[in-house]
Each structure stands twice: as structure tokens, then as C-alpha cells.
Amino acid sequence: REQLAVREKLCAVEETGAEGERVDYRIHEVVRALDTDQEDKAGTVARVHSRGMVYEGKIVMKAEVDAFKSEKRF
């Protein structure tokens, strides 16, 4: 994994999509929304189906993820 990270930096490629990161619709495609009663988890990635890719600052492929949403209703 470390060698891959070095190669990515040399090639200006960055992987996106990791459990626990905040959902950013520019780089994440939310496949499924999962309820959570933990407010701090709402809006974060719960599971990664496939990683995304950014090349030289441009989104090549969005990460496909499941994300937590709040159970609270207003």
C-alpha cells in the first residue's frame, strides 16, 4: 500500500473514498443511505464499494459509497 501511495503522488493520481470521511458529492456517489442515531456519524462514509480517482485535480471517477444519515426528522 505504501508503494502505491508513492506511485500515485509521482503520477499526480489520488484515490478518494475512505470509511469515516465526510461525504463530498463532488468525489462521492452515494449508493445507499444508512440510518444512524449517532449524530457525529451523519454525513460520513459508512462503507466503500469502489474507490474514486482524481488526476491532476480533476475527478476521473467518483467513489461509490454508502453513507450515514441522521434518523432525526424535523
PDB file of N, CA and C in Angstrom:
ATOM      1  N   ARG A   1       0.831  -1.202   0.000  1.00  0.00           N
ATOM      2  CA  ARG A   1       0.000   0.000   0.000  1.00  0.00           C
ATOM      3  C   ARG A   1       0.872   1.261   0.000  1.00  0.00           C
ATOM      4  N   GLU A   2       1.969   1.222   0.711  1.00  0.00           N
ATOM      5  CA  GLU A   2       2.871   2.378   0.777  1.00  0.00           C
ATOM      6  C   GLU A   2       3.481   2.667  -0.589  1.00  0.00           C
ATOM      7  N   GLN A   3       3.888   1.620  -1.303  1.00  0.00           N
ATOM      8  CA  GLN A   3       4.461   1.808  -2.640  1.00  0.00           C
ATOM      9  C   GLN A   3       3.428   2.409  -3.582  1.00  0.00           C
ATOM     10  N   LEU A   4       2.178   1.988  -3.451  1.00  0.00           N
ATOM     11  CA  LEU A   4       1.107   2.517  -4.291  1.00  0.00           C
ATOM     12  C   LEU A   4       0.923   4.010  -4.023  1.00  0.00           C
ATOM     13  N   ALA A   5       0.968   4.421  -2.771  1.00  0.00           N
ATOM     14  CA  ALA A   5       0.830   5.839  -2.429  1.00  0.00           C
ATOM     15  C   ALA A   5       1.953   6.664  -3.054  1.00  0.00           C
ATOM     16  N   VAL A   6       3.156   6.147  -3.043  1.00  0.00           N
ATOM     17  CA  VAL A   6       4.291   6.845  -3.654  1.00  0.00           C
ATOM     18  C   VAL A   6       4.079   6.971  -5.154  1.00  0.00           C
ATOM     19  N   ARG A   7       3.666   5.900  -5.798  1.00  0.00           N
ATOM     20  CA  ARG A   7       3.416   5.932  -7.243  1.00  0.00           C
ATOM     21  C   ARG A   7       2.310   6.916  -7.594  1.00  0.00           C
ATOM     22  N   GLU A   8       1.239   6.944  -6.763  1.00  0.00           N
ATOM     23  CA  GLU A   8       0.141   7.865  -7.014  1.00  0.00           C
ATOM     24  C   GLU A   8       0.637   9.308  -7.003  1.00  0.00           C
ATOM     25  N   LYS A   9       1.476   9.656  -6.025  1.00  0.00           N
ATOM     26  CA  LYS A   9       1.998  11.024  -5.940  1.00  0.00           C
ATOM     27  C   LYS A   9       2.863  11.357  -7.140  1.00  0.00           C
ATOM     28  N   LEU A  10       3.680  10.424  -7.575  1.00  0.00           N
ATOM     29  CA  LEU A  10       4.533  10.656  -8.728  1.00  0.00           C
ATOM     30  C   LEU A  10       3.716  10.832 -10.005  1.00  0.00           C
ATOM     31  N   CYS A  11       2.585  10.166 -10.085  1.00  0.00           N
ATOM     32  CA  CYS A  11       1.742  10.222 -11.278  1.00  0.00           C
ATOM     33  C   CYS A  11       0.625  11.252 -11.164  1.00  0.00           C
ATOM     34  N   ALA A  12       0.576  12.006 -10.076  1.00  0.00           N
ATOM     35  CA  ALA A  12      -0.461  13.021  -9.835  1.00  0.00           C
ATOM     36  C   ALA A  12      -1.848  12.394  -9.743  1.00  0.00           C
ATOM     37  N   VAL A  13      -1.926  11.165  -9.235  1.00  0.00           N
ATOM     38  CA  VAL A  13      -3.186  10.460  -9.068  1.00  0.00           C
ATOM     39  C   VAL A  13      -3.478  10.359  -7.579  1.00  0.00           C
ATOM     40  N   GLU A  14      -4.724  10.597  -7.216  1.00  0.00           N
ATOM     41  CA  GLU A  14      -5.130  10.495  -5.816  1.00  0.00           C
ATOM     42  C   GLU A  14      -6.391   9.644  -5.734  1.00  0.00           C
ATOM     43  N   GLU A  15      -6.387   8.662  -4.837  1.00  0.00           N
ATOM     44  CA  GLU A  15      -7.588   7.859  -4.604  1.00  0.00           C
ATOM     45  C   GLU A  15      -8.482   8.591  -3.624  1.00  0.00           C
ATOM     46  N   THR A  16      -9.787   8.431  -3.820  1.00  0.00           N
ATOM     47  CA  THR A  16     -10.766   9.018  -2.912  1.00  0.00           C
ATOM     48  C   THR A  16     -11.689   7.928  -2.400  1.00  0.00           C
ATOM     49  N   GLY A  17     -12.344   8.227  -1.291  1.00  0.00           N
ATOM     50  CA  GLY A  17     -13.290   7.278  -0.713  1.00  0.00           C
ATOM     51  C   GLY A  17     -12.653   6.457   0.383  1.00  0.00           C
ATOM     52  N   ALA A  18     -12.978   6.814   1.630  1.00  0.00           N
ATOM     53  CA  ALA A  18     -12.481   6.076   2.785  1.00  0.00           C
ATOM     54  C   ALA A  18     -13.554   6.128   3.874  1.00  0.00           C
ATOM     55  N   GLU A  19     -13.713   5.033   4.577  1.00  0.00           N
ATOM     56  CA  GLU A  19     -14.694   4.997   5.656  1.00  0.00           C
ATOM     57  C   GLU A  19     -14.396   6.087   6.671  1.00  0.00           C
ATOM     58  N   GLY A  20     -15.451   6.770   7.115  1.00  0.00           N
ATOM     59  CA  GLY A  20     -15.326   7.784   8.145  1.00  0.00           C
ATOM     60  C   GLY A  20     -15.121   9.193   7.634  1.00  0.00           C
ATOM     61  N   GLU A  21     -14.751   9.362   6.352  1.00  0.00           N
ATOM     62  CA  GLU A  21     -14.572  10.729   5.860  1.00  0.00           C
ATOM     63  C   GLU A  21     -15.931  11.359   5.562  1.00  0.00           C
ATOM     64  N   ARG A  22     -15.965  12.694   5.574  1.00  0.00           N
ATOM     65  CA  ARG A  22     -17.192  13.426   5.279  1.00  0.00           C
ATOM     66  C   ARG A  22     -17.566  13.218   3.816  1.00  0.00           C
ATOM     67  N   VAL A  23     -18.865  13.066   3.562  1.00  0.00           N
ATOM     68  CA  VAL A  23     -19.349  12.903   2.199  1.00  0.00           C
ATOM     69  C   VAL A  23     -19.181  14.229   1.456  1.00  0.00           C
ATOM     70  N   ASP A  24     -18.589  14.140   0.292  1.00  0.00           N
ATOM     71  CA  ASP A  24     -18.408  15.280  -0.598  1.00  0.00           C
ATOM     72  C   ASP A  24     -18.950  14.818  -1.952  1.00  0.00           C
ATOM     73  N   TYR A  25     -20.079  15.385  -2.368  1.00  0.00           N
ATOM     74  CA  TYR A  25     -20.743  14.909  -3.577  1.00  0.00           C
ATOM     75  C   TYR A  25     -19.940  15.169  -4.847  1.00  0.00           C
ATOM     76  N   ARG A  26     -18.891  15.964  -4.768  1.00  0.00           N
ATOM     77  CA  ARG A  26     -18.020  16.143  -5.934  1.00  0.00           C
ATOM     78  C   ARG A  26     -17.197  14.881  -6.180  1.00  0.00           C
ATOM     79  N   ILE A  27     -16.859  14.148  -5.106  1.00  0.00           N
ATOM     80  CA  ILE A  27     -15.989  12.973  -5.248  1.00  0.00           C
ATOM     81  C   ILE A  27     -16.644  11.673  -4.814  1.00  0.00           C
ATOM     82  N   HIS A  28     -17.849  11.747  -4.231  1.00  0.00           N
ATOM     83  CA  HIS A  28     -18.555  10.551  -3.770  1.00  0.00           C
ATOM     84  C   HIS A  28     -19.888  10.393  -4.492  1.00  0.00           C
ATOM     85  N   GLU A  29     -20.201   9.184  -4.873  1.00  0.00           N
ATOM     86  CA  GLU A  29     -21.511   8.808  -5.371  1.00  0.00           C
ATOM     87  C   GLU A  29     -22.125   7.946  -4.283  1.00  0.00           C
ATOM     88  N   VAL A  30     -23.157   8.456  -3.610  1.00  0.00           N
ATOM     89  CA  VAL A  30     -23.778   7.715  -2.516  1.00  0.00           C
ATOM     90  C   VAL A  30     -24.739   6.689  -3.108  1.00  0.00           C
ATOM     91  N   VAL A  31     -24.441   5.417  -2.863  1.00  0.00           N
ATOM     92  CA  VAL A  31     -25.236   4.307  -3.381  1.00  0.00           C
ATOM     93  C   VAL A  31     -26.416   4.031  -2.455  1.00  0.00           C
ATOM     94  N   ARG A  32     -26.154   4.132  -1.157  1.00  0.00           N
ATOM     95  CA  ARG A  32     -27.198   3.819  -0.168  1.00  0.00           C
ATOM     96  C   ARG A  32     -26.992   4.701   1.052  1.00  0.00           C
ATOM     97  N   ALA A  33     -28.111   5.194   1.603  1.00  0.00           N
ATOM     98  CA  ALA A  33     -28.069   5.985   2.834  1.00  0.00           C
ATOM     99  C   ALA A  33     -28.490   5.089   3.994  1.00  0.00           C
ATOM    100  N   LEU A  34     -27.689   5.064   5.036  1.00  0.00           N
ATOM    101  CA  LEU A  34     -27.942   4.212   6.198  1.00  0.00           C
ATOM    102  C   LEU A  34     -28.280   5.077   7.402  1.00  0.00           C
ATOM    103  N   ASP A  35     -29.349   4.726   8.111  1.00  0.00           N
ATOM    104  CA  ASP A  35     -29.729   5.465   9.317  1.00  0.00           C
ATOM    105  C   ASP A  35     -28.709   5.260  10.422  1.00  0.00           C
ATOM    106  N   THR A  36     -28.501   6.316  11.214  1.00  0.00           N
ATOM    107  CA  THR A  36     -27.668   6.224  12.402  1.00  0.00           C
ATOM    108  C   THR A  36     -28.262   7.118  13.474  1.00  0.00           C
ATOM    109  N   ASP A  37     -28.155   6.695  14.708  1.00  0.00           N
ATOM    110  CA  ASP A  37     -28.606   7.538  15.816  1.00  0.00           C
ATOM    111  C   ASP A  37     -27.438   8.323  16.403  1.00  0.00           C
ATOM    112  N   GLN A  38     -26.250   8.160  15.833  1.00  0.00           N
ATOM    113  CA  GLN A  38     -25.058   8.892  16.272  1.00  0.00           C
ATOM    114  C   GLN A  38     -24.869  10.107  15.366  1.00  0.00           C
ATOM    115  N   GLU A  39     -25.206  11.278  15.892  1.00  0.00           N
ATOM    116  CA  GLU A  39     -25.161  12.499  15.097  1.00  0.00           C
ATOM    117  C   GLU A  39     -23.781  12.775  14.496  1.00  0.00           C
ATOM    118  N   ASP A  40     -22.716  12.394  15.198  1.00  0.00           N
ATOM    119  CA  ASP A  40     -21.373  12.657  14.687  1.00  0.00           C
ATOM    120  C   ASP A  40     -21.042  11.829  13.447  1.00  0.00           C
ATOM    121  N   LYS A  41     -21.788  10.732  13.216  1.00  0.00           N
ATOM    122  CA  LYS A  41     -21.550   9.897  12.034  1.00  0.00           C
ATOM    123  C   LYS A  41     -22.382  10.343  10.831  1.00  0.00           C
ATOM    124  N   ALA A  42     -23.432  11.107  11.068  1.00  0.00           N
ATOM    125  CA  ALA A  42     -24.290  11.559   9.972  1.00  0.00           C
ATOM    126  C   ALA A  42     -23.465  12.346   8.962  1.00  0.00           C
ATOM    127  N   GLY A  43     -23.634  12.005   7.693  1.00  0.00           N
ATOM    128  CA  GLY A  43     -22.899  12.696   6.636  1.00  0.00           C
ATOM    129  C   GLY A  43     -21.500  12.162   6.393  1.00  0.00           C
ATOM    130  N   THR A  44     -21.199  10.987   6.954  1.00  0.00           N
ATOM    131  CA  THR A  44     -19.885  10.376   6.736  1.00  0.00           C
ATOM    132  C   THR A  44     -20.027   9.065   5.964  1.00  0.00           C
ATOM    133  N   VAL A  45     -18.936   8.631   5.378  1.00  0.00           N
ATOM    134  CA  VAL A  45     -18.915   7.385   4.596  1.00  0.00           C
ATOM    135  C   VAL A  45     -18.951   6.196   5.551  1.00  0.00           C
ATOM    136  N   ALA A  46     -19.914   5.303   5.324  1.00  0.00           N
ATOM    137  CA  ALA A  46     -20.067   4.100   6.141  1.00  0.00           C
ATOM    138  C   ALA A  46     -19.328   2.914   5.528  1.00  0.00           C
ATOM    139  N   ARG A  47     -19.359   2.820   4.202  1.00  0.00           N
ATOM    140  CA  ARG A  47     -18.739   1.683   3.505  1.00  0.00           C
ATOM    141  C   ARG A  47     -18.338   2.124   2.106  1.00  0.00           C
ATOM    142  N   VAL A  48     -17.226   1.639   1.631  1.00  0.00           N
ATOM    143  CA  VAL A  48     -16.748   1.969   0.291  1.00  0.00           C
ATOM    144  C   VAL A  48     -16.960   0.761  -0.617  1.00  0.00           C
ATOM    145  N   HIS A  49     -17.694   0.965  -1.691  1.00  0.00           N
ATOM    146  CA  HIS A  49     -17.895  -0.099  -2.683  1.00  0.00           C
ATOM    147  C   HIS A  49     -16.753  -0.087  -3.693  1.00  0.00           C
ATOM    148  N   SER A  50     -16.393   1.113  -4.148  1.00  0.00           N
ATOM    149  CA  SER A  50     -15.244   1.252  -5.042  1.00  0.00           C
ATOM    150  C   SER A  50     -14.627   2.629  -4.831  1.00  0.00           C
ATOM    151  N   ARG A  51     -13.305   2.668  -4.868  1.00  0.00           N
ATOM    152  CA  ARG A  51     -12.579   3.916  -4.655  1.00  0.00           C
ATOM    153  C   ARG A  51     -12.701   4.797  -5.886  1.00  0.00           C
ATOM    154  N   GLY A  52     -12.601   6.094  -5.663  1.00  0.00           N
ATOM    155  CA  GLY A  52     -12.615   7.050  -6.761  1.00  0.00           C
ATOM    156  C   GLY A  52     -11.204   7.446  -7.123  1.00  0.00           C
ATOM    157  N   MET A  53     -11.092   8.287  -8.152  1.00  0.00           N
ATOM    158  CA  MET A  53      -9.768   8.694  -8.600  1.00  0.00           C
ATOM    159  C   MET A  53      -9.800  10.153  -9.058  1.00  0.00           C
ATOM    160  N   VAL A  54      -8.797  10.898  -8.611  1.00  0.00           N
ATOM    161  CA  VAL A  54      -8.603  12.280  -9.039  1.00  0.00           C
ATOM    162  C   VAL A  54      -7.230  12.335  -9.707  1.00  0.00           C
ATOM    163  N   TYR A  55      -7.190  12.930 -10.904  1.00  0.00           N
ATOM    164  CA  TYR A  55      -5.932  13.055 -11.639  1.00  0.00           C
ATOM    165  C   TYR A  55      -5.680  14.528 -11.909  1.00  0.00           C
ATOM    166  N   GLU A  56      -4.574  15.017 -11.412  1.00  0.00           N
ATOM    167  CA  GLU A  56      -4.184  16.417 -11.563  1.00  0.00           C
ATOM    168  C   GLU A  56      -5.327  17.359 -11.194  1.00  0.00           C
ATOM    169  N   GLY A  57      -6.010  17.038 -10.093  1.00  0.00           N
ATOM    170  CA  GLY A  57      -7.078  17.890  -9.584  1.00  0.00           C
ATOM    171  C   GLY A  57      -8.432  17.709 -10.248  1.00  0.00           C
ATOM    172  N   LYS A  58      -8.503  16.848 -11.245  1.00  0.00           N
ATOM    173  CA  LYS A  58      -9.765  16.612 -11.953  1.00  0.00           C
ATOM    174  C   LYS A  58     -10.331  15.247 -11.558  1.00  0.00           C
ATOM    175  N   ILE A  59     -11.635  15.213 -11.299  1.00  0.00           N
ATOM    176  CA  ILE A  59     -12.276  13.967 -10.896  1.00  0.00           C
ATOM    177  C   ILE A  59     -12.430  13.073 -12.121  1.00  0.00           C
ATOM    178  N   VAL A  60     -11.771  11.915 -12.066  1.00  0.00           N
ATOM    179  CA  VAL A  60     -11.827  10.944 -13.148  1.00  0.00           C
ATOM    180  C   VAL A  60     -12.964   9.963 -12.878  1.00  0.00           C
ATOM    181  N   MET A  61     -13.106   9.568 -11.615  1.00  0.00           N
ATOM    182  CA  MET A  61     -14.124   8.598 -11.225  1.00  0.00           C
ATOM    183  C   MET A  61     -14.505   8.858  -9.775  1.00  0.00           C
ATOM    184  N   LYS A  62     -15.805   8.945  -9.508  1.00  0.00           N
ATOM    185  CA  LYS A  62     -16.267   9.140  -8.143  1.00  0.00           C
ATOM    186  C   LYS A  62     -16.205   7.821  -7.371  1.00  0.00           C
ATOM    187  N   ALA A  63     -15.967   7.922  -6.074  1.00  0.00           N
ATOM    188  CA  ALA A  63     -16.006   6.744  -5.207  1.00  0.00           C
ATOM    189  C   ALA A  63     -17.469   6.376  -4.975  1.00  0.00           C
ATOM    190  N   GLU A  64     -17.795   5.111  -5.057  1.00  0.00           N
ATOM    191  CA  GLU A  64     -19.150   4.630  -4.762  1.00  0.00           C
ATOM    192  C   GLU A  64     -19.180   4.195  -3.311  1.00  0.00           C
ATOM    193  N   VAL A  65     -20.061   4.831  -2.527  1.00  0.00           N
ATOM    194  CA  VAL A  65     -20.071   4.617  -1.082  1.00  0.00           C
ATOM    195  C   VAL A  65     -21.486   4.505  -0.530  1.00  0.00           C
ATOM    196  N   ASP A  66     -21.588   3.909   0.662  1.00  0.00           N
ATOM    197  CA  ASP A  66     -22.781   4.011   1.493  1.00  0.00           C
ATOM    198  C   ASP A  66     -22.463   5.097   2.507  1.00  0.00           C
ATOM    199  N   ALA A  67     -23.462   5.891   2.879  1.00  0.00           N
ATOM    200  CA  ALA A  67     -23.222   6.978   3.820  1.00  0.00           C
ATOM    201  C   ALA A  67     -24.264   6.954   4.931  1.00  0.00           C
ATOM    202  N   PHE A  68     -23.850   7.405   6.114  1.00  0.00           N
ATOM    203  CA  PHE A  68     -24.773   7.510   7.238  1.00  0.00           C
ATOM    204  C   PHE A  68     -25.608   8.779   7.092  1.00  0.00           C
ATOM    205  N   LYS A  69     -26.880   8.668   7.457  1.00  0.00           N
ATOM    206  CA  LYS A  69     -27.747   9.846   7.540  1.00  0.00           C
ATOM    207  C   LYS A  69     -28.383   9.852   8.916  1.00  0.00           C
ATOM    208  N   SER A  70     -28.773  11.003   9.352  1.00  0.00           N
ATOM    209  CA  SER A  70     -29.367  11.146  10.668  1.00  0.00           C
ATOM    210  C   SER A  70     -30.784  10.571  10.677  1.00  0.00           C
ATOM    211  N   GLU A  71     -31.158   9.924  11.775  1.00  0.00           N
ATOM    212  CA  GLU A  71     -32.519   9.414  11.923  1.00  0.00           C
ATOM    213  C   GLU A  71     -33.482  10.526  12.338  1.00  0.00           C
ATOM    214  N   LYS A  72     -32.928  11.645  12.826  1.00  0.00           N
ATOM    215  CA  LYS A  72     -33.769  12.744  13.308  1.00  0.00           C
ATOM    216  C   LYS A  72     -34.568  13.336  12.144  1.00  0.00           C
ATOM    217  N   ARG A  73     -35.802  13.616  12.415  1.00  0.00           N
ATOM    218  CA  ARG A  73     -36.683  14.263  11.445  1.00  0.00           C
ATOM    219  C   ARG A  73     -37.125  15.591  12.036  1.00  0.00           C
ATOM    220  N   PHE A  74     -37.151  16.624  11.220  1.00  0.00           N
ATOM    221  CA  PHE A  74     -37.550  17.943  11.705  1.00  0.00           C
ATOM    222  C   PHE A  74     -39.000  18.197  11.397  1.00  0.00           C
TER     223      PHE A  74
END
